C-alpha atoms as a PDB file:
ATOM      1  CA  MET A   1      18.143   3.882  32.913  1.00  0.00           C
ATOM      2  CA  TYR A   2      15.017   5.970  33.555  1.00  0.00           C
ATOM      3  CA  GLU A   3      16.056   8.472  30.870  1.00  0.00           C
ATOM      4  CA  ILE A   4      16.514   5.670  28.341  1.00  0.00           C
ATOM      5  CA  GLY A   5      13.073   4.263  29.153  1.00  0.00           C
ATOM      6  CA  GLU A   6      11.487   7.695  28.769  1.00  0.00           C
ATOM      7  CA  LEU A   7      13.246   8.190  25.445  1.00  0.00           C
ATOM      8  CA  LEU A   8      11.999   4.845  24.138  1.00  0.00           C
ATOM      9  CA  PHE A   9       8.474   4.768  25.576  1.00  0.00           C
ATOM     10  CA  GLY A  10       7.676   8.287  26.777  1.00  0.00           C
ATOM     11  CA  ARG A  11       6.880   9.453  30.288  1.00  0.00           C
ATOM     12  CA  MET A  12       4.621   7.133  32.269  1.00  0.00           C
ATOM     13  CA  THR A  13       3.269   8.056  35.701  1.00  0.00           C
ATOM     14  CA  GLY A  14       1.478   4.893  36.769  1.00  0.00           C
ATOM     15  CA  PRO A  15       0.398   1.352  35.881  1.00  0.00           C
ATOM     16  CA  LEU A  16      -2.453   2.568  33.663  1.00  0.00           C
ATOM     17  CA  ASP A  17      -0.041   4.642  31.582  1.00  0.00           C
ATOM     18  CA  ILE A  18       2.253   1.630  31.279  1.00  0.00           C
ATOM     19  CA  ALA A  19      -0.640  -0.576  30.167  1.00  0.00           C
ATOM     20  CA  ALA A  20      -1.847   2.046  27.685  1.00  0.00           C
ATOM     21  CA  THR A  21       1.638   2.419  26.208  1.00  0.00           C
ATOM     22  CA  ALA A  22       2.048  -1.352  25.925  1.00  0.00           C
ATOM     23  CA  ALA A  23      -1.339  -1.678  24.193  1.00  0.00           C
ATOM     24  CA  THR A  24      -0.488   1.174  21.820  1.00  0.00           C
ATOM     25  CA  ILE A  25       2.887  -0.295  20.887  1.00  0.00           C
ATOM     26  CA  LEU A  26       1.470  -3.789  20.417  1.00  0.00           C
ATOM     27  CA  GLY A  27      -1.376  -2.397  18.316  1.00  0.00           C
ATOM     28  CA  ALA A  28       1.057  -0.433  16.131  1.00  0.00           C
ATOM     29  CA  LEU A  29       3.218  -3.542  15.725  1.00  0.00           C
ATOM     30  CA  LEU A  30       0.207  -5.647  14.732  1.00  0.00           C
ATOM     31  CA  LEU A  31      -0.845  -3.015  12.206  1.00  0.00           C
ATOM     32  CA  CYS A  32       2.634  -3.146  10.665  1.00  0.00           C
ATOM     33  CA  ALA A  33       2.243  -6.905  10.232  1.00  0.00           C
ATOM     34  CA  ALA A  34      -1.295  -6.390   8.920  1.00  0.00           C
ATOM     35  CA  LEU A  35      -0.179  -3.921   6.243  1.00  0.00           C
ATOM     36  CA  PHE A  36       2.633  -6.243   5.184  1.00  0.00           C
ATOM     37  CA  LEU A  37       0.192  -9.160   4.724  1.00  0.00           C
ATOM     38  CA  ILE A  38      -2.649  -7.116   3.200  1.00  0.00           C
ATOM     39  CA  GLY A  39      -0.172  -5.884   0.617  1.00  0.00           C
ATOM     40  CA  ARG A  40       0.173  -9.550  -0.316  1.00  0.00           C
ATOM     41  CA  ARG A  41      -3.626 -10.004  -0.256  1.00  0.00           C
ATOM     42  CA  ASN A  42      -3.363 -12.399   2.666  1.00  0.00           C
ATOM     43  CA  ASP A  43      -6.446 -13.020   4.841  1.00  0.00           C
ATOM     44  CA  VAL A  44      -4.412 -13.082   8.054  1.00  0.00           C
ATOM     45  CA  GLY A  45      -3.567  -9.403   7.636  1.00  0.00           C
ATOM     46  CA  TRP A  46      -7.185  -8.388   8.046  1.00  0.00           C
ATOM     47  CA  GLY A  47      -7.508 -10.316  11.297  1.00  0.00           C
ATOM     48  CA  LEU A  48      -4.382  -8.592  12.602  1.00  0.00           C
ATOM     49  CA  ALA A  49      -5.898  -5.235  11.632  1.00  0.00           C
ATOM     50  CA  VAL A  50      -9.005  -6.025  13.696  1.00  0.00           C
ATOM     51  CA  ALA A  51      -6.798  -6.873  16.695  1.00  0.00           C
ATOM     52  CA  ALA A  52      -4.732  -3.698  16.197  1.00  0.00           C
ATOM     53  CA  LEU A  53      -7.817  -1.475  16.258  1.00  0.00           C
ATOM     54  CA  LEU A  54      -9.176  -3.265  19.314  1.00  0.00           C
ATOM     55  CA  LEU A  55      -5.897  -2.619  21.147  1.00  0.00           C
ATOM     56  CA  ALA A  56      -5.988   1.029  20.050  1.00  0.00           C
ATOM     57  CA  GLY A  57      -9.466   1.334  21.554  1.00  0.00           C
ATOM     58  CA  ILE A  58      -8.304  -0.240  24.814  1.00  0.00           C
ATOM     59  CA  ALA A  59      -5.312   2.100  24.926  1.00  0.00           C
ATOM     60  CA  SER A  60      -7.601   5.127  24.549  1.00  0.00           C
ATOM     61  CA  VAL A  61      -9.584   4.153  27.666  1.00  0.00           C
ATOM     62  CA  LEU A  62      -6.786   3.130  30.041  1.00  0.00           C
ATOM     63  CA  PRO A  63      -5.371   6.597  30.847  1.00  0.00           C
ATOM     64  CA  PHE A  64      -8.644   7.540  32.548  1.00  0.00           C
ATOM     65  CA  PRO A  65      -8.581  11.247  33.560  1.00  0.00           C
ATOM     66  CA  PRO A  66      -8.933  11.389  37.395  1.00  0.00           C
ATOM     67  CA  MET A  67     -10.917  14.628  37.252  1.00  0.00           C
ATOM     68  CA  LEU A  68     -13.867  12.709  35.787  1.00  0.00           C
ATOM     69  CA  LEU A  69     -14.388  10.825  39.058  1.00  0.00           C
ATOM     70  CA  SER A  70     -16.184  13.832  40.499  1.00  0.00           C
ATOM     71  CA  SER A  71     -18.987  13.596  37.934  1.00  0.00           C
ATOM     72  CA  SER A  72     -21.008  10.503  37.072  1.00  0.00           C
ATOM     73  CA  ALA A  73     -22.213  12.192  33.888  1.00  0.00           C
ATOM     74  CA  ALA A  74     -18.622  12.791  32.788  1.00  0.00           C
ATOM     75  CA  ILE A  75     -17.713   9.156  33.477  1.00  0.00           C
ATOM     76  CA  MET A  76     -20.656   7.935  31.400  1.00  0.00           C
ATOM     77  CA  LEU A  77     -19.846  10.318  28.555  1.00  0.00           C
ATOM     78  CA  PHE A  78     -16.188   9.329  28.499  1.00  0.00           C
ATOM     79  CA  GLY A  79     -16.990   5.613  28.518  1.00  0.00           C
ATOM     80  CA  ALA A  80     -19.686   5.975  25.857  1.00  0.00           C
ATOM     81  CA  GLY A  81     -17.442   7.986  23.540  1.00  0.00           C
ATOM     82  CA  ALA A  82     -14.538   5.568  23.853  1.00  0.00           C
ATOM     83  CA  ALA A  83     -16.795   2.524  23.413  1.00  0.00           C
ATOM     84  CA  ILE A  84     -18.570   3.932  20.344  1.00  0.00           C
ATOM     85  CA  ALA A  85     -15.318   5.020  18.679  1.00  0.00           C
ATOM     86  CA  THR A  86     -13.785   1.598  19.324  1.00  0.00           C
ATOM     87  CA  ALA A  87     -16.904  -0.153  18.016  1.00  0.00           C
ATOM     88  CA  ILE A  88     -16.803   1.930  14.832  1.00  0.00           C
ATOM     89  CA  GLY A  89     -13.119   1.214  14.248  1.00  0.00           C
ATOM     90  CA  VAL A  90     -13.298  -2.503  15.011  1.00  0.00           C
ATOM     91  CA  GLY A  91     -16.622  -2.845  13.196  1.00  0.00           C
ATOM     92  CA  ALA A  92     -15.169  -1.263  10.059  1.00  0.00           C
ATOM     93  CA  ALA A  93     -12.189  -3.625  10.215  1.00  0.00           C
ATOM     94  CA  VAL A  94     -14.456  -6.667  10.680  1.00  0.00           C
ATOM     95  CA  TYR A  95     -16.619  -5.490   7.761  1.00  0.00           C
ATOM     96  CA  ALA A  96     -13.480  -5.147   5.617  1.00  0.00           C
ATOM     97  CA  LEU A  97     -12.338  -8.631   6.649  1.00  0.00           C
ATOM     98  CA  LEU A  98     -15.681 -10.214   5.726  1.00  0.00           C
ATOM     99  CA  LEU A  99     -15.886  -8.276   2.454  1.00  0.00           C
ATOM    100  CA  PHE A 100     -12.367  -9.246   1.434  1.00  0.00           C
ATOM    101  CA  ARG A 101     -12.996 -12.908   2.221  1.00  0.00           C
ATOM    102  CA  LYS A 102     -15.718 -12.954  -0.439  1.00  0.00           C
ATOM    103  CA  LEU A 103     -13.057 -12.648  -3.126  1.00  0.00           C
ATOM    104  CA  PRO A 104     -11.870 -15.874  -4.763  1.00  0.00           C
ATOM    105  CA  LEU A 105      -8.679 -17.547  -3.592  1.00  0.00           C
ATOM    106  CA  SER A 106      -5.621 -17.428  -5.843  1.00  0.00           C
ATOM    107  CA  ALA A 107      -3.488 -19.368  -3.317  1.00  0.00           C
ATOM    108  CA  PRO A 108      -3.985 -20.605   0.249  1.00  0.00           C
ATOM    109  CA  MET A 109      -5.071 -17.603   2.395  1.00  0.00           C
ATOM    110  CA  THR A 110      -4.454 -15.284  -0.589  1.00  0.00           C
ATOM    111  CA  ARG A 111      -7.220 -13.556  -2.537  1.00  0.00           C
ATOM    112  CA  ALA A 112      -7.421 -12.698  -6.235  1.00  0.00           C
ATOM    113  CA  VAL A 113      -8.093  -8.967  -6.410  1.00  0.00           C
ATOM    114  CA  VAL A 114      -9.548  -7.090  -9.371  1.00  0.00           C
ATOM    115  CA  LEU A 115      -8.824  -3.445  -8.668  1.00  0.00           C
ATOM    116  CA  ARG A 116     -11.437  -0.780  -9.175  1.00  0.00           C
ATOM    117  CA  ALA A 117     -10.706   2.367 -11.108  1.00  0.00           C
ATOM    118  CA  PHE A 118     -11.124   5.482  -8.995  1.00  0.00           C
ATOM    119  CA  ARG A 119     -14.724   6.629  -8.689  1.00  0.00           C
ATOM    120  CA  ALA A 120     -16.041   9.435  -6.509  1.00  0.00           C
ATOM    121  CA  PRO A 121     -18.744   7.244  -4.864  1.00  0.00           C
ATOM    122  CA  ASP A 122     -16.034   4.882  -3.561  1.00  0.00           C
ATOM    123  CA  VAL A 123     -14.823   7.669  -1.275  1.00  0.00           C
ATOM    124  CA  VAL A 124     -18.161   7.934   0.546  1.00  0.00           C
ATOM    125  CA  ALA A 125     -17.812   4.874   2.804  1.00  0.00           C
ATOM    126  CA  PRO A 126     -14.239   5.609   4.005  1.00  0.00           C
ATOM    127  CA  VAL A 127     -15.082   9.263   4.650  1.00  0.00           C
ATOM    128  CA  ALA A 128     -18.212   8.260   6.566  1.00  0.00           C
ATOM    129  CA  VAL A 129     -16.192   5.893   8.780  1.00  0.00           C
ATOM    130  CA  ALA A 130     -13.584   8.561   9.576  1.00  0.00           C
ATOM    131  CA  VAL A 131     -16.220  11.222  10.320  1.00  0.00           C
ATOM    132  CA  LEU A 132     -18.302   8.925  12.536  1.00  0.00           C
ATOM    133  CA  TYR A 133     -15.164   7.856  14.396  1.00  0.00           C
ATOM    134  CA  SER A 134     -14.268  11.492  14.992  1.00  0.00           C
ATOM    135  CA  LEU A 135     -17.750  12.422  16.190  1.00  0.00           C
ATOM    136  CA  ALA A 136     -17.676   9.538  18.665  1.00  0.00           C
ATOM    137  CA  SER A 137     -14.284  10.654  19.968  1.00  0.00           C
ATOM    138  CA  LEU A 138     -15.690  14.147  20.539  1.00  0.00           C
ATOM    139  CA  VAL A 139     -18.033  12.657  23.131  1.00  0.00           C
ATOM    140  CA  SER A 140     -15.026  11.700  25.259  1.00  0.00           C
ATOM    141  CA  VAL A 141     -13.582  15.183  24.794  1.00  0.00           C
ATOM    142  CA  ALA A 142     -16.874  16.670  25.983  1.00  0.00           C
ATOM    143  CA  ALA A 143     -16.665  14.405  29.040  1.00  0.00           C
ATOM    144  CA  ILE A 144     -13.256  15.796  29.963  1.00  0.00           C
ATOM    145  CA  PHE A 145     -14.511  19.380  29.706  1.00  0.00           C
ATOM    146  CA  THR A 146     -17.529  18.416  31.792  1.00  0.00           C
ATOM    147  CA  GLY A 147     -15.267  16.899  34.448  1.00  0.00           C
ATOM    148  CA  LEU A 148     -13.203  20.093  34.496  1.00  0.00           C
ATOM    149  CA  HIS A 149     -16.409  22.161  34.735  1.00  0.00           C
ATOM    150  CA  ALA A 150     -15.181  24.116  31.718  1.00  0.00           C
ATOM    151  CA  PRO A 151     -17.633  25.678  29.216  1.00  0.00           C
ATOM    152  CA  LEU A 152     -17.998  23.462  26.147  1.00  0.00           C
ATOM    153  CA  SER A 153     -18.244  26.532  23.938  1.00  0.00           C
ATOM    154  CA  LYS A 154     -14.604  27.358  24.726  1.00  0.00           C
ATOM    155  CA  ALA A 155     -13.272  24.037  23.418  1.00  0.00           C
ATOM    156  CA  PRO A 156     -11.369  24.044  20.082  1.00  0.00           C
ATOM    157  CA  TRP A 157     -13.839  21.634  18.503  1.00  0.00           C
ATOM    158  CA  LEU A 158     -12.510  21.957  14.964  1.00  0.00           C
ATOM    159  CA  THR A 159      -9.042  20.889  16.109  1.00  0.00           C
ATOM    160  CA  PHE A 160     -10.463  17.959  18.047  1.00  0.00           C
ATOM    161  CA  PHE A 161     -12.619  16.977  15.062  1.00  0.00           C
ATOM    162  CA  VAL A 162      -9.656  16.979  12.662  1.00  0.00           C
ATOM    163  CA  THR A 163      -7.610  14.962  15.175  1.00  0.00           C
ATOM    164  CA  GLY A 164     -10.449  12.434  15.415  1.00  0.00           C
ATOM    165  CA  VAL A 165     -10.719  12.168  11.629  1.00  0.00           C
ATOM    166  CA  LEU A 166      -6.979  11.476  11.381  1.00  0.00           C
ATOM    167  CA  ALA A 167      -7.340   8.734  13.996  1.00  0.00           C
ATOM    168  CA  GLY A 168     -10.272   7.291  12.062  1.00  0.00           C
ATOM    169  CA  ILE A 169      -8.363   7.118   8.789  1.00  0.00           C
ATOM    170  CA  VAL A 170      -7.006   3.632   9.548  1.00  0.00           C
ATOM    171  CA  PRO A 171     -10.422   1.878   9.673  1.00  0.00           C
ATOM    172  CA  ALA A 172     -11.514   4.082   6.757  1.00  0.00           C
ATOM    173  CA  ALA A 173      -8.519   2.888   4.725  1.00  0.00           C
ATOM    174  CA  LEU A 174      -9.357  -0.743   5.522  1.00  0.00           C
ATOM    175  CA  VAL A 175     -12.856  -0.240   4.125  1.00  0.00           C
ATOM    176  CA  GLY A 176     -11.358   1.333   1.005  1.00  0.00           C
ATOM    177  CA  LEU A 177      -8.934  -1.549   0.445  1.00  0.00           C
ATOM    178  CA  ALA A 178     -11.649  -4.135   1.043  1.00  0.00           C
ATOM    179  CA  ASN A 179     -13.574  -2.445  -1.751  1.00  0.00           C
ATOM    180  CA  ARG A 180     -10.505  -2.979  -3.954  1.00  0.00           C
ATOM    181  CA  SER A 181      -9.569   0.716  -4.171  1.00  0.00           C
ATOM    182  CA  ARG A 182      -5.806   0.994  -4.538  1.00  0.00           C
ATOM    183  CA  TRP A 183      -5.829   4.688  -3.578  1.00  0.00           C
ATOM    184  CA  ALA A 184      -6.792   3.688  -0.017  1.00  0.00           C
ATOM    185  CA  TRP A 185      -3.124   2.855   0.614  1.00  0.00           C
ATOM    186  CA  PHE A 186      -2.473   6.598   0.645  1.00  0.00           C
ATOM    187  CA  LEU A 187      -4.876   6.901   3.581  1.00  0.00           C
ATOM    188  CA  PHE A 188      -2.614   4.611   5.599  1.00  0.00           C
ATOM    189  CA  PHE A 189       0.334   6.808   4.672  1.00  0.00           C
ATOM    190  CA  VAL A 190      -1.492   9.966   5.822  1.00  0.00           C
ATOM    191  CA  ALA A 191      -2.559   8.253   9.069  1.00  0.00           C
ATOM    192  CA  ALA A 192       1.019   7.133   9.771  1.00  0.00           C
ATOM    193  CA  ILE A 193       2.503  10.598   9.162  1.00  0.00           C
ATOM    194  CA  ALA A 194      -0.180  12.167  11.377  1.00  0.00           C
ATOM    195  CA  ALA A 195       0.624   9.588  14.070  1.00  0.00           C
ATOM    196  CA  VAL A 196       4.333  10.428  13.864  1.00  0.00           C
ATOM    197  CA  TYR A 197       3.532  14.114  14.338  1.00  0.00           C
ATOM    198  CA  GLY A 198       1.181  13.419  17.248  1.00  0.00           C
ATOM    199  CA  THR A 199       3.715  11.121  18.916  1.00  0.00           C
ATOM    200  CA  VAL A 200       6.505  13.676  18.615  1.00  0.00           C
ATOM    201  CA  MET A 201       4.324  16.490  19.970  1.00  0.00           C
ATOM    202  CA  SER A 202       3.157  14.403  22.935  1.00  0.00           C
ATOM    203  CA  ALA A 203       6.625  12.899  23.576  1.00  0.00           C
ATOM    204  CA  GLN A 204       5.349   9.310  23.576  1.00  0.00           C
ATOM    205  CA  GLY A 205       8.713   7.791  22.772  1.00  0.00           C
ATOM    206  CA  SER A 206      10.896   6.800  19.846  1.00  0.00           C
ATOM    207  CA  VAL A 207       9.588   3.218  19.664  1.00  0.00           C
ATOM    208  CA  LEU A 208       6.167   4.405  18.506  1.00  0.00           C
ATOM    209  CA  ILE A 209       7.736   6.916  16.124  1.00  0.00           C
ATOM    210  CA  PHE A 210       9.740   4.103  14.531  1.00  0.00           C
ATOM    211  CA  LEU A 211       6.649   1.880  14.181  1.00  0.00           C
ATOM    212  CA  TYR A 212       4.617   4.666  12.571  1.00  0.00           C
ATOM    213  CA  VAL A 213       7.440   5.388  10.119  1.00  0.00           C
ATOM    214  CA  VAL A 214       7.448   1.676   9.262  1.00  0.00           C
ATOM    215  CA  GLN A 215       3.688   1.867   8.663  1.00  0.00           C
ATOM    216  CA  ALA A 216       4.207   4.768   6.261  1.00  0.00           C
ATOM    217  CA  GLY A 217       6.799   2.740   4.374  1.00  0.00           C
ATOM    218  CA  LEU A 218       4.538  -0.321   4.282  1.00  0.00           C
ATOM    219  CA  ALA A 219       1.696   1.820   2.913  1.00  0.00           C
ATOM    220  CA  ILE A 220       3.887   2.924   0.017  1.00  0.00           C
ATOM    221  CA  ALA A 221       5.073  -0.651  -0.523  1.00  0.00           C
ATOM    222  CA  GLY A 222       1.473  -1.899  -0.474  1.00  0.00           C
ATOM    223  CA  TRP A 223       0.411   0.658  -3.056  1.00  0.00           C
ATOM    224  CA  GLN A 224       3.292  -0.344  -5.302  1.00  0.00           C
ATOM    225  CA  ARG A 225       2.629  -4.061  -4.849  1.00  0.00           C
ATOM    226  CA  TRP A 226      -1.078  -3.740  -5.628  1.00  0.00           C
ATOM    227  CA  GLY A 227      -0.178  -1.793  -8.756  1.00  0.00           C
ATOM    228  CA  SER A 228       2.007  -4.602 -10.099  1.00  0.00           C
ATOM    229  CA  ILE A 229      -0.322  -7.569  -9.565  1.00  0.00           C
ATOM    230  CA  PRO A 230       0.039  -9.848 -12.635  1.00  0.00           C
ATOM    231  CA  ALA A 231      -3.072 -10.043 -14.788  1.00  0.00           C
ATOM    232  CA  ALA A 232      -3.255 -13.823 -14.332  1.00  0.00           C
ATOM    233  CA  ALA A 233      -3.340 -13.404 -10.543  1.00  0.00           C
ATOM    234  CA  VAL A 234      -5.809 -10.534 -10.616  1.00  0.00           C
ATOM    235  CA  SER A 235      -8.579 -12.033 -12.675  1.00  0.00           C
ATOM    236  CA  SER A 236      -9.539 -15.455 -13.977  1.00  0.00           C
ATOM    237  CA  SER A 237     -11.816 -13.973 -16.657  1.00  0.00           C
ATOM    238  CA  PRO A 238     -10.897 -14.407 -20.370  1.00  0.00           C
ATOM    239  CA  THR A 239     -10.157 -10.670 -20.637  1.00  0.00           C
ATOM    240  CA  PRO A 240      -7.322  -9.642 -18.325  1.00  0.00           C
ATOM    241  CA  VAL A 241      -8.020  -6.653 -16.153  1.00  0.00           C
ATOM    242  CA  LYS A 242      -5.117  -4.251 -15.805  1.00  0.00           C
ATOM    243  CA  PRO A 243      -4.756  -2.770 -12.315  1.00  0.00           C
ATOM    244  CA  THR A 244      -5.506   0.929 -12.306  1.00  0.00           C
ATOM    245  CA  PHE A 245      -5.056   3.611  -9.732  1.00  0.00           C
END
């Protein structure tokens, strides 16, 4: 029975690990539902995305490294990094929710979307969100090295930065979609594939792997669905606007 549990959920050594795993799985499940509904331009999907990112932030704090208890500075750094990263992720999702709700309704809880053609300036906001999220996560990494009394100069910062950017792609993609950029669906796909790789390498269990694969599939389905929005449902203007990538 223990082997089956480890296969499904990964190895857990205490109640905090169990809570973190539960929060991670629930957050991934909520994001699956969010992507399904956002693909249908439904307002509820954005609220689920906010909840999913909040749970992801909680999950990042729960497995608190015991070695930090020996240093008050390390504890403060770890808490500040986790709080700032969570605030950036949740804040970006809330911003996307509010921005999307400004669009006119085409049906109850469903928005009429006029897609934007790809423009280089539209990439700035999503990239900024991902980079800021990564920089905030580096604060927590610095806290761990401080708790271990290890020299910060020896840390593989580039690797940690790239890992943080990949984690920040989800809120970045939400900002892109809220700005009616269809290409932002590919960001969800990249984030899901990166999450699958990270889950496999850290042996976190097959349940999470399955949910991340589902997210990748929903990202592709969302991109396809947004590309086939009927002109009458996309715009109420006299001149129909054809969705473009």
